[in-house]
Protein backbone atom coordinates (compact mmCIF):
# COMPACT_ATOMS: atom_id res chain seq x y z
CA MET A 1 40.92 101.92 -4.41
CA ALA A 2 37.78 101.40 -2.64
CA ASP A 3 36.13 100.42 -5.42
CA GLU A 4 38.87 97.74 -6.40
CA LYS A 5 37.25 94.09 -6.28
CA PRO A 6 39.23 91.75 -3.87
CA LYS A 7 41.30 89.40 -6.18
CA CYS A 8 40.71 85.47 -6.36
CA THR A 9 43.09 83.56 -5.20
CA ALA A 10 44.56 79.91 -6.41
CA LYS A 11 42.48 78.96 -3.30
CA CYS A 12 39.11 80.59 -4.56
CA LYS A 13 39.59 79.38 -8.19
CA GLY A 14 39.94 76.14 -6.72
CA LYS A 15 36.02 75.58 -4.80
CA LYS A 16 34.92 77.17 -7.67
CA ARG A 17 35.90 74.50 -10.10
CA LYS A 18 35.26 72.21 -7.49
CA PHE A 19 31.41 73.30 -7.66
CA LEU A 20 31.42 73.73 -11.53
CA PRO A 21 30.37 69.79 -12.52
CA HIS A 22 29.28 71.65 -15.86
CA GLY A 23 32.83 72.65 -16.92
CA ARG A 24 34.13 69.14 -16.48
CA PRO A 25 33.94 66.18 -19.09
CA VAL A 26 30.98 63.55 -18.75
CA ARG A 27 32.46 60.19 -17.35
CA LYS A 28 31.20 56.98 -19.83
CA GLY A 29 31.94 53.68 -18.37
CA LEU A 30 34.14 50.99 -20.72
CA TYR A 31 31.24 48.81 -21.56
CA PRO A 32 28.19 50.92 -22.20
CA LEU A 33 24.53 49.87 -23.39
CA ARG A 34 24.41 49.33 -26.74
CA PRO A 35 21.82 48.01 -29.63
CA GLY A 36 21.59 44.48 -30.31
CA LEU A 37 22.33 43.16 -27.01
CA GLN A 38 20.04 40.67 -24.67
CA GLY A 39 19.89 40.67 -21.15
CA PHE A 40 18.13 42.07 -18.27
CA PHE A 41 17.04 45.69 -16.85
CA LEU A 42 17.55 46.27 -13.16
CA THR A 43 16.31 49.29 -11.50
CA CYS A 44 17.50 50.08 -7.81
CA ASP A 45 17.90 53.02 -5.34
CA ALA A 46 20.24 55.86 -6.69
CA GLY A 47 23.75 55.53 -5.44
CA ARG A 48 23.32 51.80 -4.96
CA GLU A 49 23.82 50.50 -8.81
CA ARG A 50 27.63 49.09 -7.75
CA GLN A 51 25.82 46.93 -4.92
CA ALA A 52 22.83 45.97 -6.88
CA THR A 53 25.41 44.89 -9.97
CA ASN A 54 27.27 42.15 -7.64
CA GLU A 55 23.84 40.79 -6.45
CA ALA A 56 21.83 40.76 -9.43
CA LEU A 57 25.46 38.58 -11.13
CA ASN A 58 24.78 36.19 -7.86
CA LEU A 59 21.21 35.82 -8.19
CA LEU A 60 20.85 35.59 -12.00
CA GLU A 61 23.76 32.89 -11.87
CA THR A 62 21.78 31.39 -9.19
CA PHE A 63 18.54 30.85 -11.00
CA TYR A 64 20.47 29.98 -14.34
CA GLU A 65 22.26 26.85 -12.86
CA GLU A 66 18.85 25.87 -11.56
CA LEU A 67 17.23 25.78 -14.44
CA VAL A 68 20.18 24.22 -16.68
CA HIS A 69 20.95 21.68 -13.85
CA GLY A 70 17.31 21.06 -13.26
CA LYS A 71 18.47 21.23 -9.36
CA ASP A 72 17.45 23.92 -6.65
CA LEU A 73 21.04 24.65 -4.87
CA ASP A 74 19.09 25.55 -1.83
CA ALA A 75 18.69 22.45 -1.20
CA LYS A 76 21.02 20.14 0.37
CA SER A 77 22.10 16.40 -1.48
CA SER A 78 20.15 14.01 0.28
CA THR A 79 22.76 11.53 -0.58
CA VAL A 80 25.43 13.14 1.67
CA PRO A 81 25.29 11.16 4.66
CA SER A 82 24.20 12.74 8.31
CA LYS A 83 26.75 11.33 10.15
CA PRO A 84 30.68 11.41 9.61
CA LEU A 85 32.42 8.33 7.65
CA ASN A 86 35.10 8.84 9.47
CA LYS A 87 36.44 5.50 11.73
CA ILE A 88 39.09 5.98 14.19
CA ILE A 89 41.73 2.80 13.77
CA LYS A 90 42.95 2.14 17.73
CA PHE A 91 46.27 0.25 18.55
CA SER A 92 47.00 -2.02 20.75
CA ASP A 93 49.33 0.71 22.65
CA SER A 94 46.26 2.91 22.71
CA ASP A 95 44.49 4.01 26.15
CA SER A 96 40.98 2.50 25.26
CA SER A 97 42.60 -1.11 24.28
CA ASP A 98 44.53 -0.73 27.66
CA GLU A 99 41.22 -0.57 29.20
CA GLU A 100 39.60 -3.29 27.70
CA ASP A 101 42.65 -5.69 28.52
CA ASP A 102 42.71 -4.45 32.43
CA ALA A 103 38.78 -5.56 32.38
CA THR A 104 39.60 -8.86 30.16
CA HIS A 105 42.68 -9.48 32.68
CA VAL A 106 44.27 -13.03 32.64
CA GLU A 107 47.26 -14.07 34.36
CA GLU A 108 49.69 -14.81 32.56
CA PRO A 109 53.06 -17.72 33.02
CA ALA A 110 56.16 -16.21 35.04
CA VAL A 111 58.10 -14.71 32.77
CA SER A 112 62.39 -16.00 33.79
CA GLU A 113 65.25 -13.89 33.66
CA GLU A 114 66.66 -14.96 30.57
CA ASN A 115 63.82 -14.53 28.67
CA ARG A 116 63.21 -10.69 30.02
CA LYS A 117 66.10 -9.26 28.80
CA VAL A 118 65.68 -10.78 25.25
CA GLU A 119 61.89 -9.04 25.46
CA GLU A 120 63.72 -5.56 26.30
CA GLU A 121 66.20 -5.67 23.84
CA ALA A 122 63.60 -6.06 21.18
CA ARG A 123 61.71 -3.28 22.58
CA PRO A 124 62.31 0.46 20.03
CA HIS A 125 64.45 2.91 22.01
CA ASP A 126 62.80 6.44 22.15
CA GLY A 127 63.72 7.33 18.61
CA GLU A 128 61.87 4.60 17.08
CA GLU A 129 58.89 4.56 19.40
CA THR A 130 58.16 8.58 18.19
CA LYS A 131 58.60 6.84 14.29
CA LEU A 132 56.64 4.51 14.98
CA SER A 133 53.68 7.14 16.53
CA LYS A 134 54.03 9.47 13.60
CA ILE A 135 53.44 6.28 11.39
CA ALA A 136 50.43 5.02 13.55
CA GLU A 137 49.06 8.59 13.47
CA GLN A 138 49.73 8.76 9.22
CA GLY A 139 47.57 4.91 8.91
CA GLU A 140 44.66 7.49 11.24
CA GLN A 141 44.64 9.84 8.42
CA LEU A 142 44.60 7.63 5.18
CA PRO A 143 40.93 6.12 5.71
CA SER A 144 39.33 9.83 6.44
CA LYS A 145 40.79 11.29 3.11
CA LYS A 146 39.92 8.30 2.01
CA GLN A 147 36.05 8.41 2.79
CA ARG A 148 36.39 12.32 2.39
CA LEU A 149 37.35 11.92 -1.78
CA GLU A 150 34.19 9.40 -1.77
CA VAL A 151 31.88 11.82 0.02
CA ASP A 152 33.14 14.41 -2.47
CA ASN A 153 32.07 11.98 -5.16
CA ILE A 154 29.45 11.08 -3.84
CA GLU A 155 28.15 14.84 -4.36
CA GLY A 156 28.91 15.21 -8.18
CA VAL A 157 32.45 16.80 -7.93
CA GLU A 158 34.42 16.28 -10.93
CA ASN A 159 38.03 15.47 -10.65
CA ASP A 160 40.13 16.42 -13.24
CA ASP A 161 43.55 15.05 -14.53
CA LYS A 162 44.62 18.57 -14.86
CA PRO A 163 46.93 19.87 -11.91
CA ILE A 164 45.35 22.42 -9.26
CA ASP A 165 47.34 25.47 -10.55
CA GLU A 166 46.05 24.96 -14.44
CA LEU A 167 42.71 24.10 -13.43
CA ILE A 168 42.90 27.52 -11.68
CA GLU A 169 44.60 29.36 -14.56
CA ASP A 170 41.87 28.24 -16.35
CA GLU A 171 39.18 29.33 -14.96
CA LEU A 172 40.36 32.95 -13.85
CA LYS A 173 41.58 33.04 -17.17
CA GLU A 174 37.92 32.49 -18.55
CA LEU A 175 36.74 34.85 -15.59
CA GLY A 176 38.77 37.67 -16.77
CA ASP A 177 37.23 37.34 -20.83
CA ARG A 178 33.83 39.05 -20.65
CA ASN A 179 32.82 37.05 -23.78
CA LYS A 180 32.97 34.07 -21.94
CA ARG A 181 30.39 34.83 -19.16
CA HIS A 182 26.95 34.16 -18.88
CA PHE A 183 26.72 37.57 -17.40
CA ALA A 184 28.41 40.57 -17.57
CA SER A 185 27.43 44.32 -16.37
CA LEU A 186 27.37 47.39 -18.91
CA ASP A 187 27.22 50.77 -17.86
CA SER A 188 23.64 51.86 -18.62
CA GLY A 189 24.12 55.85 -17.99
CA CYS A 190 21.56 56.60 -16.06
CA ASN A 191 21.48 56.69 -12.03
CA GLY A 192 19.10 54.08 -10.48
CA VAL A 193 19.27 51.64 -13.72
CA VAL A 194 21.78 48.49 -14.01
CA PHE A 195 22.01 46.17 -16.99
CA ILE A 196 23.41 42.59 -17.40
CA GLN A 197 23.88 41.02 -20.57
CA MET A 198 23.32 37.99 -21.06
CA HIS A 199 25.90 35.71 -23.51
CA LYS A 200 23.22 33.28 -24.65
CA ARG A 201 25.00 30.12 -26.30
CA VAL A 202 23.05 27.22 -27.92
CA GLY A 203 20.46 25.28 -24.98
CA ASP A 204 20.67 28.29 -22.78
CA PRO A 205 17.39 29.52 -21.51
CA SER A 206 16.27 32.96 -22.48
CA PRO A 207 16.01 35.73 -20.53
CA VAL A 208 12.61 35.36 -20.21
CA GLU A 209 12.45 32.16 -19.16
CA ILE A 210 15.16 33.08 -16.23
CA VAL A 211 13.19 36.26 -14.90
CA GLN A 212 9.74 34.11 -14.72
CA HIS A 213 11.40 31.35 -12.83
CA MET A 214 13.03 33.77 -10.58
CA MET A 215 9.49 35.55 -10.09
CA THR A 216 7.55 32.54 -9.96
CA LYS A 217 9.67 31.20 -7.14
CA LEU A 218 10.24 34.05 -5.12
CA ALA A 219 6.48 34.53 -5.03
CA SER A 220 5.87 31.04 -3.42
CA THR A 221 8.84 30.98 -0.93
CA ARG A 222 8.90 34.93 -0.65
CA LYS A 223 12.68 34.65 0.36
CA HIS A 224 14.42 37.40 0.17
CA MET A 225 17.51 37.29 -1.46
CA SER A 226 18.59 40.98 -2.13
CA ARG A 227 19.20 43.84 -0.89
CA PHE A 228 19.34 46.49 -3.40
CA ILE A 229 17.68 45.62 -6.41
CA LEU A 230 13.99 46.44 -7.00
CA ARG A 231 12.54 45.65 -10.08
CA VAL A 232 14.08 43.21 -12.58
CA LEU A 233 12.86 42.71 -16.20
CA PRO A 234 14.29 40.70 -19.19
CA VAL A 235 15.61 42.18 -22.59
CA GLU A 236 15.35 40.42 -25.76
CA LEU A 237 15.75 43.06 -28.07
CA THR A 238 17.73 46.75 -28.18
CA CYS A 239 17.94 49.51 -30.59
CA TYR A 240 17.95 53.06 -30.95
CA ALA A 241 15.04 55.16 -29.46
CA SER A 242 13.23 56.50 -32.98
CA GLU A 243 10.20 55.34 -34.39
CA GLN A 244 11.97 54.19 -37.29
CA GLU A 245 14.21 51.85 -35.92
CA ILE A 246 11.78 50.35 -33.23
CA ALA A 247 9.13 49.47 -35.60
CA LYS A 248 11.91 47.80 -38.13
CA SER A 249 13.79 46.03 -35.38
CA ILE A 250 10.67 44.71 -33.76
CA GLN A 251 9.27 42.77 -36.33
CA PRO A 252 11.34 39.11 -35.90
CA PHE A 253 10.19 39.98 -31.97
CA ILE A 254 6.39 40.45 -32.57
CA ALA A 255 6.53 37.03 -34.36
CA GLN A 256 8.09 35.45 -32.22
CA TYR A 257 5.62 35.92 -29.70
CA PHE A 258 2.32 37.06 -31.50
CA PRO A 259 2.32 34.43 -34.88
CA ASN A 260 0.06 35.67 -37.53
CA GLU A 261 -1.77 32.18 -37.81
CA THR A 262 -2.77 30.56 -34.30
CA PRO A 263 -5.48 28.77 -32.76
CA THR A 264 -5.81 30.54 -29.80
CA PRO A 265 -5.31 34.74 -29.99
CA ARG A 266 -3.86 36.24 -27.31
CA LYS A 267 -4.45 39.30 -25.04
CA PHE A 268 -1.53 41.69 -24.87
CA ALA A 269 -0.98 45.49 -23.50
CA VAL A 270 2.28 47.37 -24.15
CA LEU A 271 3.93 48.66 -21.12
CA TYR A 272 6.41 52.28 -21.63
CA GLU A 273 8.94 54.15 -19.55
CA ALA A 274 10.91 57.02 -20.26
CA ARG A 275 14.48 57.90 -18.53
CA ALA A 276 17.00 60.88 -19.57
CA ASN A 277 14.71 60.91 -22.98
CA THR A 278 12.58 63.66 -23.47
CA GLY A 279 12.88 64.01 -26.97
CA ILE A 280 10.53 60.99 -27.45
CA GLU A 281 6.22 61.12 -27.31
CA ARG A 282 5.16 58.06 -25.06
CA MET A 283 1.71 57.34 -27.34
CA SER A 284 3.76 57.23 -30.38
CA ILE A 285 6.03 54.21 -29.60
CA ILE A 286 2.99 52.62 -28.02
CA ASN A 287 1.23 53.10 -31.37
CA THR A 288 3.84 51.72 -32.80
CA VAL A 289 4.55 48.75 -31.11
CA ALA A 290 1.04 47.83 -30.86
CA LYS A 291 0.04 48.25 -34.66
CA SER A 292 3.22 45.40 -35.43
CA VAL A 293 1.18 43.32 -33.27
CA PRO A 294 -1.05 40.99 -35.92
CA GLN A 295 -4.89 41.34 -36.20
CA PRO A 296 -5.63 38.09 -34.61
CA HIS A 297 -4.26 39.48 -31.18
CA LYS A 298 -6.23 41.95 -29.15
CA VAL A 299 -5.04 44.55 -26.64
CA ASP A 300 -6.38 43.91 -23.02
CA LEU A 301 -4.91 46.77 -20.56
CA LYS A 302 -6.78 45.17 -17.25
CA ASN A 303 -6.04 41.55 -18.09
CA PRO A 304 -3.60 40.43 -20.63
CA ASP A 305 -2.12 37.48 -20.93
CA LYS A 306 1.34 39.06 -22.26
CA SER A 307 2.39 42.16 -21.72
CA ILE A 308 5.54 43.96 -23.84
CA VAL A 309 7.46 46.31 -22.05
CA ILE A 310 9.21 49.47 -23.75
CA GLN A 311 12.37 50.92 -21.21
CA ILE A 312 13.66 54.04 -22.94
CA VAL A 313 17.20 54.76 -21.52
CA LYS A 314 18.73 57.52 -23.25
CA THR A 315 18.87 57.01 -26.55
CA ILE A 316 18.72 53.02 -26.11
CA CYS A 317 15.30 51.21 -26.37
CA LEU A 318 14.89 47.93 -24.66
CA VAL A 319 12.07 45.56 -25.27
CA GLY A 320 10.84 42.34 -23.57
CA VAL A 321 8.08 40.33 -22.89
CA VAL A 322 6.23 39.21 -19.46
CA GLU A 323 3.51 37.35 -17.86
CA LYS A 324 1.63 38.17 -14.88
CA TYR A 325 2.98 41.23 -14.57
CA ARG A 326 0.62 42.93 -12.25
CA GLU A 327 0.13 39.52 -10.49
CA LEU A 328 4.07 39.23 -9.62
CA SER A 329 3.96 42.89 -7.74
CA LYS A 330 5.37 44.47 -11.19
CA TYR A 331 8.36 42.05 -10.97
CA ASN A 332 9.33 44.35 -7.71
CA LEU A 333 11.47 41.22 -5.64
CA ARG A 334 11.20 43.89 -2.61
CA GLU A 335 7.47 43.92 -2.83
CA LEU A 336 7.48 40.72 -4.17
CA THR A 337 9.24 39.19 -1.22
CA SER A 338 7.33 41.74 1.64
CA LEU A 339 3.91 40.40 1.27
CA LYS A 340 2.17 37.79 3.32
CA PRO A 341 1.51 34.70 1.15
């Protein structure tokens, strides 16, 4: 009949399923962001999370090595010689020695016929000449290898007694174990947000020290070191995003930076941002954090000594402390390195 609607084919149904994402289950990462972690909160352009993660891992490892070992990785070692140390050993049958012999040629006495026959018999044949030439080439390479080892030792390369295969296997095992890495990426569950977890060991610098060193150096050098990363903020506390959880978890954190008894009270400000969470009131969280700071310290929004940064990502609250937040372009790498010195 004319009133009957055309039946939808399998091809049509496939198209509907393709453009109805609400019918699909949400994909979750293997390592999601959760409470009880330390690390770094980074922002990037939407869709560039993977590239920003790779950049962040390399960038954080670079500044971590600078703080731990106390050296600038960009600077070349002054102990490395400017000229190569390899020396060429010249044998008596080389071309250069023939030229020198021609220049200082001295007439030799005539040699008898019997002596010539003895010399010809004593000379090596073609096969023996090739062997001798190979031995000579090996003799030229030996000193260069020895000098390369000396240069490596000068640069600080440590030679282990283990074979190379075992060293490679140990390094791969360490890289494969996420708990042994200094930095590992976690799934934030939010577009344009990257979280890098730090496995802090005894004697390691804190995330605040690493980020502060990074920003201070980039502000002085104005050197572009990232393409996809926008902001980098330290995170020393993660908990569930609720007023009760934040008030309970933030007490030891506040005592570390704002002690009760101090001769020099500090001025502070509370900075708040929320993503993918509309169930929390902004001012209630700010007041909760501000009331947890003891009395000698005062609020100063224009010129604070330290800024307490609160980042809400879905159901997780991330807390960190920064200095010179406005002076360092709100810790935005792109703006910080693009400014003229």
